PDB file of N, CA and C in Angstrom:
ATOM      1  N   UNK A   1     107.200 118.706 101.483  1.00  0.00           N
ATOM      2  CA  UNK A   1     108.398 119.299 100.942  1.00  0.00           C
ATOM      3  C   UNK A   1     108.027 120.576 100.190  1.00  0.00           C
ATOM      4  N   UNK A   2     108.905 121.543 100.221  1.00  0.00           N
ATOM      5  CA  UNK A   2     108.655 122.832  99.616  1.00  0.00           C
ATOM      6  C   UNK A   2     108.576 122.719  98.092  1.00  0.00           C
ATOM      7  N   UNK A   3     109.270 121.777  97.488  1.00  0.00           N
ATOM      8  CA  UNK A   3     109.276 121.667  96.038  1.00  0.00           C
ATOM      9  C   UNK A   3     107.891 121.241  95.540  1.00  0.00           C
ATOM     10  N   UNK A   4     107.290 120.286  96.201  1.00  0.00           N
ATOM     11  CA  UNK A   4     106.010 119.721  95.725  1.00  0.00           C
ATOM     12  C   UNK A   4     104.800 120.584  96.084  1.00  0.00           C
ATOM     13  N   UNK A   5     104.841 121.279  97.185  1.00  0.00           N
ATOM     14  CA  UNK A   5     103.706 122.115  97.603  1.00  0.00           C
ATOM     15  C   UNK A   5     104.224 123.405  98.241  1.00  0.00           C
ATOM     16  N   UNK A   6     103.398 124.433  98.143  1.00  0.00           N
ATOM     17  CA  UNK A   6     103.762 125.709  98.747  1.00  0.00           C
ATOM     18  C   UNK A   6     102.683 126.139  99.731  1.00  0.00           C
ATOM     19  N   UNK A   7     103.080 126.931 100.682  1.00  0.00           N
ATOM     20  CA  UNK A   7     102.172 127.538 101.614  1.00  0.00           C
ATOM     21  C   UNK A   7     101.303 128.519 100.835  1.00  0.00           C
ATOM     22  N   UNK A   8     100.071 128.704 101.261  1.00  0.00           N
ATOM     23  CA  UNK A   8      99.166 129.622 100.597  1.00  0.00           C
ATOM     24  C   UNK A   8      99.799 130.997 100.431  1.00  0.00           C
ATOM     25  N   UNK A   9      99.763 131.495  99.216  1.00  0.00           N
ATOM     26  CA  UNK A   9     100.297 132.811  98.931  1.00  0.00           C
ATOM     27  C   UNK A   9     101.775 132.850  98.590  1.00  0.00           C
ATOM     28  N   UNK A  10     102.440 131.681  98.556  1.00  0.00           N
ATOM     29  CA  UNK A  10     103.857 131.634  98.225  1.00  0.00           C
ATOM     30  C   UNK A  10     104.102 131.089  96.825  1.00  0.00           C
ATOM     31  N   UNK A  11     105.207 131.496  96.256  1.00  0.00           N
ATOM     32  CA  UNK A  11     105.683 130.903  95.005  1.00  0.00           C
ATOM     33  C   UNK A  11     106.646 129.794  95.353  1.00  0.00           C
ATOM     34  N   UNK A  12     106.881 128.929  94.391  1.00  0.00           N
ATOM     35  CA  UNK A  12     107.879 127.881  94.567  1.00  0.00           C
ATOM     36  C   UNK A  12     109.258 128.513  94.427  1.00  0.00           C
ATOM     37  N   UNK A  13     110.306 127.695  94.301  1.00  0.00           N
ATOM     38  CA  UNK A  13     111.643 128.228  94.156  1.00  0.00           C
ATOM     39  C   UNK A  13     111.700 129.115  92.917  1.00  0.00           C
ATOM     40  N   UNK A  14     112.216 130.299  93.067  1.00  0.00           N
ATOM     41  CA  UNK A  14     112.219 131.311  92.000  1.00  0.00           C
ATOM     42  C   UNK A  14     112.936 130.855  90.744  1.00  0.00           C
ATOM     43  N   UNK A  15     113.951 130.012  90.944  1.00  0.00           N
ATOM     44  CA  UNK A  15     114.732 129.547  89.785  1.00  0.00           C
ATOM     45  C   UNK A  15     113.855 128.717  88.829  1.00  0.00           C
ATOM     46  N   UNK A  16     112.859 128.031  89.347  1.00  0.00           N
ATOM     47  CA  UNK A  16     111.922 127.292  88.486  1.00  0.00           C
ATOM     48  C   UNK A  16     111.231 128.238  87.513  1.00  0.00           C
ATOM     49  N   UNK A  17     110.707 129.339  88.038  1.00  0.00           N
ATOM     50  CA  UNK A  17     109.995 130.317  87.204  1.00  0.00           C
ATOM     51  C   UNK A  17     110.948 130.995  86.219  1.00  0.00           C
ATOM     52  N   UNK A  18     112.148 131.305  86.711  1.00  0.00           N
ATOM     53  CA  UNK A  18     113.117 131.982  85.851  1.00  0.00           C
ATOM     54  C   UNK A  18     113.495 131.098  84.652  1.00  0.00           C
ATOM     55  N   UNK A  19     113.778 129.825  84.920  1.00  0.00           N
ATOM     56  CA  UNK A  19     114.132 128.927  83.839  1.00  0.00           C
ATOM     57  C   UNK A  19     112.979 128.716  82.872  1.00  0.00           C
ATOM     58  N   UNK A  20     111.788 128.548  83.414  1.00  0.00           N
ATOM     59  CA  UNK A  20     110.602 128.353  82.567  1.00  0.00           C
ATOM     60  C   UNK A  20     110.336 129.580  81.689  1.00  0.00           C
ATOM     61  N   UNK A  21     110.445 130.742  82.286  1.00  0.00           N
ATOM     62  CA  UNK A  21     110.159 131.988  81.543  1.00  0.00           C
ATOM     63  C   UNK A  21     111.234 132.259  80.475  1.00  0.00           C
ATOM     64  N   UNK A  22     112.465 131.982  80.801  1.00  0.00           N
ATOM     65  CA  UNK A  22     113.545 132.286  79.837  1.00  0.00           C
ATOM     66  C   UNK A  22     113.612 131.272  78.697  1.00  0.00           C
ATOM     67  N   UNK A  23     113.297 130.012  78.975  1.00  0.00           N
ATOM     68  CA  UNK A  23     113.541 128.990  77.967  1.00  0.00           C
ATOM     69  C   UNK A  23     112.276 128.363  77.399  1.00  0.00           C
ATOM     70  N   UNK A  24     111.140 128.564  78.012  1.00  0.00           N
ATOM     71  CA  UNK A  24     109.904 127.984  77.503  1.00  0.00           C
ATOM     72  C   UNK A  24     108.710 128.799  77.997  1.00  0.00           C
ATOM     73  N   UNK A  25     108.647 130.110  77.660  1.00  0.00           N
ATOM     74  CA  UNK A  25     107.625 130.976  78.219  1.00  0.00           C
ATOM     75  C   UNK A  25     106.207 130.560  77.891  1.00  0.00           C
ATOM     76  N   UNK A  26     106.001 129.953  76.732  1.00  0.00           N
ATOM     77  CA  UNK A  26     104.635 129.542  76.355  1.00  0.00           C
ATOM     78  C   UNK A  26     104.102 128.406  77.229  1.00  0.00           C
ATOM     79  N   UNK A  27     105.016 127.589  77.773  1.00  0.00           N
ATOM     80  CA  UNK A  27     104.594 126.431  78.550  1.00  0.00           C
ATOM     81  C   UNK A  27     104.973 126.539  80.026  1.00  0.00           C
ATOM     82  N   UNK A  28     105.585 127.648  80.402  1.00  0.00           N
ATOM     83  CA  UNK A  28     106.084 127.800  81.761  1.00  0.00           C
ATOM     84  C   UNK A  28     105.081 127.506  82.847  1.00  0.00           C
ATOM     85  N   UNK A  29     103.844 128.012  82.695  1.00  0.00           N
ATOM     86  CA  UNK A  29     102.860 127.838  83.750  1.00  0.00           C
ATOM     87  C   UNK A  29     102.193 126.462  83.696  1.00  0.00           C
ATOM     88  N   UNK A  30     102.606 125.615  82.795  1.00  0.00           N
ATOM     89  CA  UNK A  30     102.022 124.286  82.680  1.00  0.00           C
ATOM     90  C   UNK A  30     102.771 123.248  83.548  1.00  0.00           C
ATOM     91  N   UNK A  31     103.908 123.603  84.086  1.00  0.00           N
ATOM     92  CA  UNK A  31     104.626 122.687  84.962  1.00  0.00           C
ATOM     93  C   UNK A  31     103.922 122.589  86.293  1.00  0.00           C
ATOM     94  N   UNK A  32     103.746 121.380  86.776  1.00  0.00           N
ATOM     95  CA  UNK A  32     103.005 121.140  88.025  1.00  0.00           C
ATOM     96  C   UNK A  32     103.547 121.904  89.215  1.00  0.00           C
ATOM     97  N   UNK A  33     104.878 121.981  89.322  1.00  0.00           N
ATOM     98  CA  UNK A  33     105.465 122.605  90.486  1.00  0.00           C
ATOM     99  C   UNK A  33     105.282 124.114  90.519  1.00  0.00           C
ATOM    100  N   UNK A  34     104.979 124.745  89.386  1.00  0.00           N
ATOM    101  CA  UNK A  34     104.816 126.205  89.400  1.00  0.00           C
ATOM    102  C   UNK A  34     103.439 126.659  88.939  1.00  0.00           C
ATOM    103  N   UNK A  35     102.607 125.772  88.510  1.00  0.00           N
ATOM    104  CA  UNK A  35     101.274 126.185  88.020  1.00  0.00           C
ATOM    105  C   UNK A  35     100.282 126.488  89.122  1.00  0.00           C
ATOM    106  N   UNK A  36     100.531 125.988  90.321  1.00  0.00           N
ATOM    107  CA  UNK A  36      99.584 126.210  91.411  1.00  0.00           C
ATOM    108  C   UNK A  36     100.054 127.271  92.424  1.00  0.00           C
ATOM    109  N   UNK A  37     101.207 127.872  92.155  1.00  0.00           N
ATOM    110  CA  UNK A  37     101.747 128.870  93.052  1.00  0.00           C
ATOM    111  C   UNK A  37     100.982 130.177  92.934  1.00  0.00           C
ATOM    112  N   UNK A  38     101.153 130.987  93.960  1.00  0.00           N
ATOM    113  CA  UNK A  38     100.537 132.302  93.967  1.00  0.00           C
ATOM    114  C   UNK A  38     101.086 133.136  92.808  1.00  0.00           C
ATOM    115  N   UNK A  39     100.231 133.893  92.206  1.00  0.00           N
ATOM    116  CA  UNK A  39     100.679 134.758  91.109  1.00  0.00           C
ATOM    117  C   UNK A  39     101.052 136.116  91.662  1.00  0.00           C
ATOM    118  N   UNK A  40     102.144 136.630  91.223  1.00  0.00           N
ATOM    119  CA  UNK A  40     102.554 137.968  91.600  1.00  0.00           C
ATOM    120  C   UNK A  40     103.412 138.511  90.475  1.00  0.00           C
ATOM    121  N   UNK A  41     103.540 139.779  90.447  1.00  0.00           N
ATOM    122  CA  UNK A  41     104.281 140.450  89.356  1.00  0.00           C
ATOM    123  C   UNK A  41     105.779 140.396  89.677  1.00  0.00           C
ATOM    124  N   UNK A  42     106.479 139.529  88.986  1.00  0.00           N
ATOM    125  CA  UNK A  42     107.932 139.401  89.141  1.00  0.00           C
ATOM    126  C   UNK A  42     108.519 139.321  87.744  1.00  0.00           C
ATOM    127  N   UNK A  43     109.593 140.026  87.518  1.00  0.00           N
ATOM    128  CA  UNK A  43     110.270 139.957  86.232  1.00  0.00           C
ATOM    129  C   UNK A  43     111.300 138.831  86.310  1.00  0.00           C
ATOM    130  N   UNK A  44     110.844 137.633  85.968  1.00  0.00           N
ATOM    131  CA  UNK A  44     111.683 136.447  86.082  1.00  0.00           C
ATOM    132  C   UNK A  44     112.876 136.487  85.138  1.00  0.00           C
ATOM    133  N   UNK A  45     112.733 137.101  83.981  1.00  0.00           N
ATOM    134  CA  UNK A  45     113.847 137.201  83.041  1.00  0.00           C
ATOM    135  C   UNK A  45     114.927 138.088  83.632  1.00  0.00           C
ATOM    136  N   UNK A  46     114.571 139.225  84.178  1.00  0.00           N
ATOM    137  CA  UNK A  46     115.557 140.119  84.817  1.00  0.00           C
ATOM    138  C   UNK A  46     116.198 139.439  86.030  1.00  0.00           C
ATOM    139  N   UNK A  47     115.393 138.719  86.792  1.00  0.00           N
ATOM    140  CA  UNK A  47     115.941 137.991  87.946  1.00  0.00           C
ATOM    141  C   UNK A  47     116.904 136.910  87.528  1.00  0.00           C
ATOM    142  N   UNK A  48     116.601 136.229  86.419  1.00  0.00           N
ATOM    143  CA  UNK A  48     117.514 135.210  85.897  1.00  0.00           C
ATOM    144  C   UNK A  48     118.830 135.835  85.452  1.00  0.00           C
ATOM    145  N   UNK A  49     118.750 136.973  84.786  1.00  0.00           N
ATOM    146  CA  UNK A  49     119.958 137.686  84.375  1.00  0.00           C
ATOM    147  C   UNK A  49     120.777 138.100  85.591  1.00  0.00           C
ATOM    148  N   UNK A  50     120.108 138.528  86.644  1.00  0.00           N
ATOM    149  CA  UNK A  50     120.805 138.905  87.883  1.00  0.00           C
ATOM    150  C   UNK A  50     121.463 137.669  88.523  1.00  0.00           C
ATOM    151  N   UNK A  51     120.772 136.547  88.503  1.00  0.00           N
ATOM    152  CA  UNK A  51     121.329 135.322  89.038  1.00  0.00           C
ATOM    153  C   UNK A  51     122.602 134.935  88.268  1.00  0.00           C
ATOM    154  N   UNK A  52     122.549 135.029  86.925  1.00  0.00           N
ATOM    155  CA  UNK A  52     123.743 134.745  86.132  1.00  0.00           C
ATOM    156  C   UNK A  52     124.903 135.669  86.500  1.00  0.00           C
ATOM    157  N   UNK A  53     124.568 136.959  86.672  1.00  0.00           N
ATOM    158  CA  UNK A  53     125.601 137.911  87.026  1.00  0.00           C
ATOM    159  C   UNK A  53     126.218 137.598  88.388  1.00  0.00           C
ATOM    160  N   UNK A  54     125.384 137.196  89.329  1.00  0.00           N
ATOM    161  CA  UNK A  54     125.881 136.844  90.666  1.00  0.00           C
ATOM    162  C   UNK A  54     126.763 135.606  90.607  1.00  0.00           C
ATOM    163  N   UNK A  55     126.352 134.594  89.863  1.00  0.00           N
ATOM    164  CA  UNK A  55     127.152 133.387  89.757  1.00  0.00           C
ATOM    165  C   UNK A  55     128.500 133.689  89.104  1.00  0.00           C
ATOM    166  N   UNK A  56     128.472 134.568  88.118  1.00  0.00           N
ATOM    167  CA  UNK A  56     129.719 134.952  87.443  1.00  0.00           C
ATOM    168  C   UNK A  56     130.597 135.749  88.388  1.00  0.00           C
ATOM    169  N   UNK A  57     130.002 136.654  89.164  1.00  0.00           N
ATOM    170  CA  UNK A  57     130.758 137.440  90.132  1.00  0.00           C
ATOM    171  C   UNK A  57     131.415 136.558  91.196  1.00  0.00           C
ATOM    172  N   UNK A  58     130.738 135.447  91.506  1.00  0.00           N
ATOM    173  CA  UNK A  58     131.269 134.497  92.484  1.00  0.00           C
ATOM    174  C   UNK A  58     132.271 133.515  91.843  1.00  0.00           C
ATOM    175  N   UNK A  59     132.518 133.749  90.563  1.00  0.00           N
ATOM    176  CA  UNK A  59     133.472 132.953  89.784  1.00  0.00           C
ATOM    177  C   UNK A  59     133.059 131.472  89.653  1.00  0.00           C
ATOM    178  N   UNK A  60     131.734 131.245  89.581  1.00  0.00           N
ATOM    179  CA  UNK A  60     131.238 129.897  89.306  1.00  0.00           C
ATOM    180  C   UNK A  60     131.394 129.648  87.819  1.00  0.00           C
ATOM    181  N   UNK A  61     132.147 128.611  87.497  1.00  0.00           N
ATOM    182  CA  UNK A  61     132.415 128.350  86.080  1.00  0.00           C
ATOM    183  C   UNK A  61     131.134 128.120  85.288  1.00  0.00           C
ATOM    184  N   UNK A  62     131.168 128.505  83.994  1.00  0.00           N
ATOM    185  CA  UNK A  62     129.994 128.351  83.120  1.00  0.00           C
ATOM    186  C   UNK A  62     129.518 126.912  83.077  1.00  0.00           C
ATOM    187  N   UNK A  63     130.427 125.954  83.062  1.00  0.00           N
ATOM    188  CA  UNK A  63     130.037 124.551  83.015  1.00  0.00           C
ATOM    189  C   UNK A  63     129.284 124.123  84.288  1.00  0.00           C
ATOM    190  N   UNK A  64     129.695 124.696  85.413  1.00  0.00           N
ATOM    191  CA  UNK A  64     128.995 124.418  86.675  1.00  0.00           C
ATOM    192  C   UNK A  64     127.622 125.076  86.683  1.00  0.00           C
ATOM    193  N   UNK A  65     127.552 126.304  86.171  1.00  0.00           N
ATOM    194  CA  UNK A  65     126.269 126.979  86.052  1.00  0.00           C
ATOM    195  C   UNK A  65     125.315 126.154  85.202  1.00  0.00           C
ATOM    196  N   UNK A  66     125.807 125.673  84.076  1.00  0.00           N
ATOM    197  CA  UNK A  66     124.985 124.870  83.170  1.00  0.00           C
ATOM    198  C   UNK A  66     124.494 123.626  83.878  1.00  0.00           C
ATOM    199  N   UNK A  67     125.371 122.958  84.613  1.00  0.00           N
ATOM    200  CA  UNK A  67     124.985 121.748  85.337  1.00  0.00           C
ATOM    201  C   UNK A  67     123.929 122.055  86.408  1.00  0.00           C
ATOM    202  N   UNK A  68     124.068 123.172  87.072  1.00  0.00           N
ATOM    203  CA  UNK A  68     123.073 123.581  88.095  1.00  0.00           C
ATOM    204  C   UNK A  68     121.704 123.793  87.453  1.00  0.00           C
ATOM    205  N   UNK A  69     121.695 124.474  86.323  1.00  0.00           N
ATOM    206  CA  UNK A  69     120.431 124.756  85.637  1.00  0.00           C
ATOM    207  C   UNK A  69     119.802 123.475  85.045  1.00  0.00           C
ATOM    208  N   UNK A  70     120.638 122.604  84.556  1.00  0.00           N
ATOM    209  CA  UNK A  70     120.117 121.331  84.035  1.00  0.00           C
ATOM    210  C   UNK A  70     119.504 120.487  85.148  1.00  0.00           C
ATOM    211  N   UNK A  71     120.165 120.445  86.290  1.00  0.00           N
ATOM    212  CA  UNK A  71     119.627 119.677  87.420  1.00  0.00           C
ATOM    213  C   UNK A  71     118.315 120.291  87.920  1.00  0.00           C
ATOM    214  N   UNK A  72     118.277 121.618  88.005  1.00  0.00           N
ATOM    215  CA  UNK A  72     117.061 122.294  88.462  1.00  0.00           C
ATOM    216  C   UNK A  72     115.912 122.070  87.493  1.00  0.00           C
ATOM    217  N   UNK A  73     116.209 122.148  86.193  1.00  0.00           N
ATOM    218  CA  UNK A  73     115.180 121.896  85.177  1.00  0.00           C
ATOM    219  C   UNK A  73     114.707 120.454  85.255  1.00  0.00           C
ATOM    220  N   UNK A  74     115.629 119.520  85.514  1.00  0.00           N
ATOM    221  CA  UNK A  74     115.269 118.118  85.697  1.00  0.00           C
ATOM    222  C   UNK A  74     114.269 117.938  86.819  1.00  0.00           C
ATOM    223  N   UNK A  75     114.487 118.625  87.932  1.00  0.00           N
ATOM    224  CA  UNK A  75     113.558 118.549  89.061  1.00  0.00           C
ATOM    225  C   UNK A  75     112.204 119.111  88.655  1.00  0.00           C
ATOM    226  N   UNK A  76     112.205 120.207  87.909  1.00  0.00           N
ATOM    227  CA  UNK A  76     110.949 120.808  87.430  1.00  0.00           C
ATOM    228  C   UNK A  76     110.182 119.807  86.553  1.00  0.00           C
ATOM    229  N   UNK A  77     110.895 119.131  85.667  1.00  0.00           N
ATOM    230  CA  UNK A  77     110.262 118.113  84.796  1.00  0.00           C
ATOM    231  C   UNK A  77     109.788 116.883  85.584  1.00  0.00           C
ATOM    232  N   UNK A  78     110.528 116.486  86.602  1.00  0.00           N
ATOM    233  CA  UNK A  78     110.098 115.344  87.418  1.00  0.00           C
ATOM    234  C   UNK A  78     108.727 115.606  88.048  1.00  0.00           C
ATOM    235  N   UNK A  79     108.474 116.870  88.358  1.00  0.00           N
ATOM    236  CA  UNK A  79     107.166 117.220  88.928  1.00  0.00           C
ATOM    237  C   UNK A  79     106.007 117.036  87.941  1.00  0.00           C
ATOM    238  N   UNK A  80     106.330 116.930  86.665  1.00  0.00           N
ATOM    239  CA  UNK A  80     105.294 116.736  85.640  1.00  0.00           C
ATOM    240  C   UNK A  80     104.939 115.248  85.418  1.00  0.00           C
ATOM    241  N   UNK A  81     105.712 114.382  86.026  1.00  0.00           N
ATOM    242  CA  UNK A  81     105.413 112.951  85.857  1.00  0.00           C
ATOM    243  C   UNK A  81     104.124 112.575  86.546  1.00  0.00           C
ATOM    244  N   UNK A  82     103.362 111.727  85.891  1.00  0.00           N
ATOM    245  CA  UNK A  82     102.153 111.191  86.473  1.00  0.00           C
ATOM    246  C   UNK A  82     102.283 109.680  86.528  1.00  0.00           C
ATOM    247  N   UNK A  83     101.878 109.124  87.652  1.00  0.00           N
ATOM    248  CA  UNK A  83     101.981 107.695  87.854  1.00  0.00           C
ATOM    249  C   UNK A  83     100.569 107.092  87.959  1.00  0.00           C
ATOM    250  N   UNK A  84     100.465 105.861  87.530  1.00  0.00           N
ATOM    251  CA  UNK A  84      99.240 105.083  87.692  1.00  0.00           C
ATOM    252  C   UNK A  84      99.653 103.723  88.195  1.00  0.00           C
ATOM    253  N   UNK A  85      98.706 103.003  88.697  1.00  0.00           N
ATOM    254  CA  UNK A  85      99.041 101.679  89.247  1.00  0.00           C
ATOM    255  C   UNK A  85      98.694 100.551  88.302  1.00  0.00           C
ATOM    256  N   UNK A  86      99.492  99.533  88.362  1.00  0.00           N
ATOM    257  CA  UNK A  86      99.238  98.300  87.630  1.00  0.00           C
ATOM    258  C   UNK A  86      98.945  97.249  88.689  1.00  0.00           C
ATOM    259  N   UNK A  87      97.660  97.038  88.964  1.00  0.00           N
ATOM    260  CA  UNK A  87      97.291  96.140  90.053  1.00  0.00           C
ATOM    261  C   UNK A  87      97.628  94.680  89.759  1.00  0.00           C
ATOM    262  N   UNK A  88      97.802  94.342  88.486  1.00  0.00           N
ATOM    263  CA  UNK A  88      98.148  92.954  88.187  1.00  0.00           C
ATOM    264  C   UNK A  88      99.576  92.640  88.560  1.00  0.00           C
ATOM    265  N   UNK A  89     100.428  93.658  88.634  1.00  0.00           N
ATOM    266  CA  UNK A  89     101.830  93.445  88.965  1.00  0.00           C
ATOM    267  C   UNK A  89     102.200  94.079  90.296  1.00  0.00           C
ATOM    268  N   UNK A  90     101.222  94.645  90.975  1.00  0.00           N
ATOM    269  CA  UNK A  90     101.494  95.360  92.243  1.00  0.00           C
ATOM    270  C   UNK A  90     102.638  96.391  92.026  1.00  0.00           C
ATOM    271  N   UNK A  91     102.454  97.204  90.983  1.00  0.00           N
ATOM    272  CA  UNK A  91     103.488  98.159  90.598  1.00  0.00           C
ATOM    273  C   UNK A  91     102.859  99.461  90.109  1.00  0.00           C
ATOM    274  N   UNK A  92     103.711 100.430  89.848  1.00  0.00           N
ATOM    275  CA  UNK A  92     103.245 101.695  89.274  1.00  0.00           C
ATOM    276  C   UNK A  92     103.980 101.909  87.956  1.00  0.00           C
ATOM    277  N   UNK A  93     103.401 102.737  87.094  1.00  0.00           N
ATOM    278  CA  UNK A  93     104.049 103.080  85.819  1.00  0.00           C
ATOM    279  C   UNK A  93     103.840 104.536  85.534  1.00  0.00           C
ATOM    280  N   UNK A  94     104.689 105.083  84.684  1.00  0.00           N
ATOM    281  CA  UNK A  94     104.602 106.484  84.279  1.00  0.00           C
ATOM    282  C   UNK A  94     103.584 106.603  83.151  1.00  0.00           C
ATOM    283  N   UNK A  95     102.638 107.503  83.298  1.00  0.00           N
ATOM    284  CA  UNK A  95     101.565 107.657  82.335  1.00  0.00           C
ATOM    285  C   UNK A  95     102.074 108.268  81.028  1.00  0.00           C
ATOM    286  N   UNK A  96     102.786 109.392  81.091  1.00  0.00           N
ATOM    287  CA  UNK A  96     103.267 110.076  79.875  1.00  0.00           C
ATOM    288  C   UNK A  96     104.785 109.983  79.827  1.00  0.00           C
ATOM    289  N   UNK A  97     105.295 108.985  79.131  1.00  0.00           N
ATOM    290  CA  UNK A  97     106.730 108.762  79.112  1.00  0.00           C
ATOM    291  C   UNK A  97     107.495 109.786  78.295  1.00  0.00           C
ATOM    292  N   UNK A  98     106.817 110.565  77.453  1.00  0.00           N
ATOM    293  CA  UNK A  98     107.541 111.549  76.643  1.00  0.00           C
ATOM    294  C   UNK A  98     108.214 112.616  77.504  1.00  0.00           C
ATOM    295  N   UNK A  99     107.742 112.808  78.706  1.00  0.00           N
ATOM    296  CA  UNK A  99     108.376 113.780  79.617  1.00  0.00           C
ATOM    297  C   UNK A  99     109.811 113.328  79.919  1.00  0.00           C
ATOM    298  N   UNK A 100     110.038 112.040  79.951  1.00  0.00           N
ATOM    299  CA  UNK A 100     111.364 111.525  80.227  1.00  0.00           C
ATOM    300  C   UNK A 100     112.356 111.784  79.102  1.00  0.00           C
ATOM    301  N   UNK A 101     111.840 112.094  77.925  1.00  0.00           N
ATOM    302  CA  UNK A 101     112.690 112.316  76.762  1.00  0.00           C
ATOM    303  C   UNK A 101     113.110 113.768  76.588  1.00  0.00           C
ATOM    304  N   UNK A 102     112.550 114.656  77.419  1.00  0.00           N
ATOM    305  CA  UNK A 102     112.880 116.096  77.303  1.00  0.00           C
ATOM    306  C   UNK A 102     114.328 116.303  77.694  1.00  0.00           C
ATOM    307  N   UNK A 103     114.968 117.185  77.002  1.00  0.00           N
ATOM    308  CA  UNK A 103     116.341 117.556  77.309  1.00  0.00           C
ATOM    309  C   UNK A 103     116.345 118.763  78.211  1.00  0.00           C
ATOM    310  N   UNK A 104     117.073 118.669  79.267  1.00  0.00           N
ATOM    311  CA  UNK A 104     117.145 119.803  80.216  1.00  0.00           C
ATOM    312  C   UNK A 104     118.179 120.788  79.782  1.00  0.00           C
TER     313      UNK A 104
END
């Protein structure tokens, strides 16, 4: 799937980088889905502003825009989950549960 892996030389979905850069620039490159992507010079903040302008021009309501960004951020955070196995129960568990407490 394109979300979990990228072809050599490609970035993941641009909205991931835009959201990370605008709302958490210090930790943006620490997300699994965007930390292994190709690096290139892109102004993600300007691109995010353009995206907002386009959504507004298309008359997408602010509440819908917010829901879109929350869902996208949720997918970005899901990529940070790490699982380990519990062989005694034939099950898996989440290693760092604090990721589940983040607000998108």
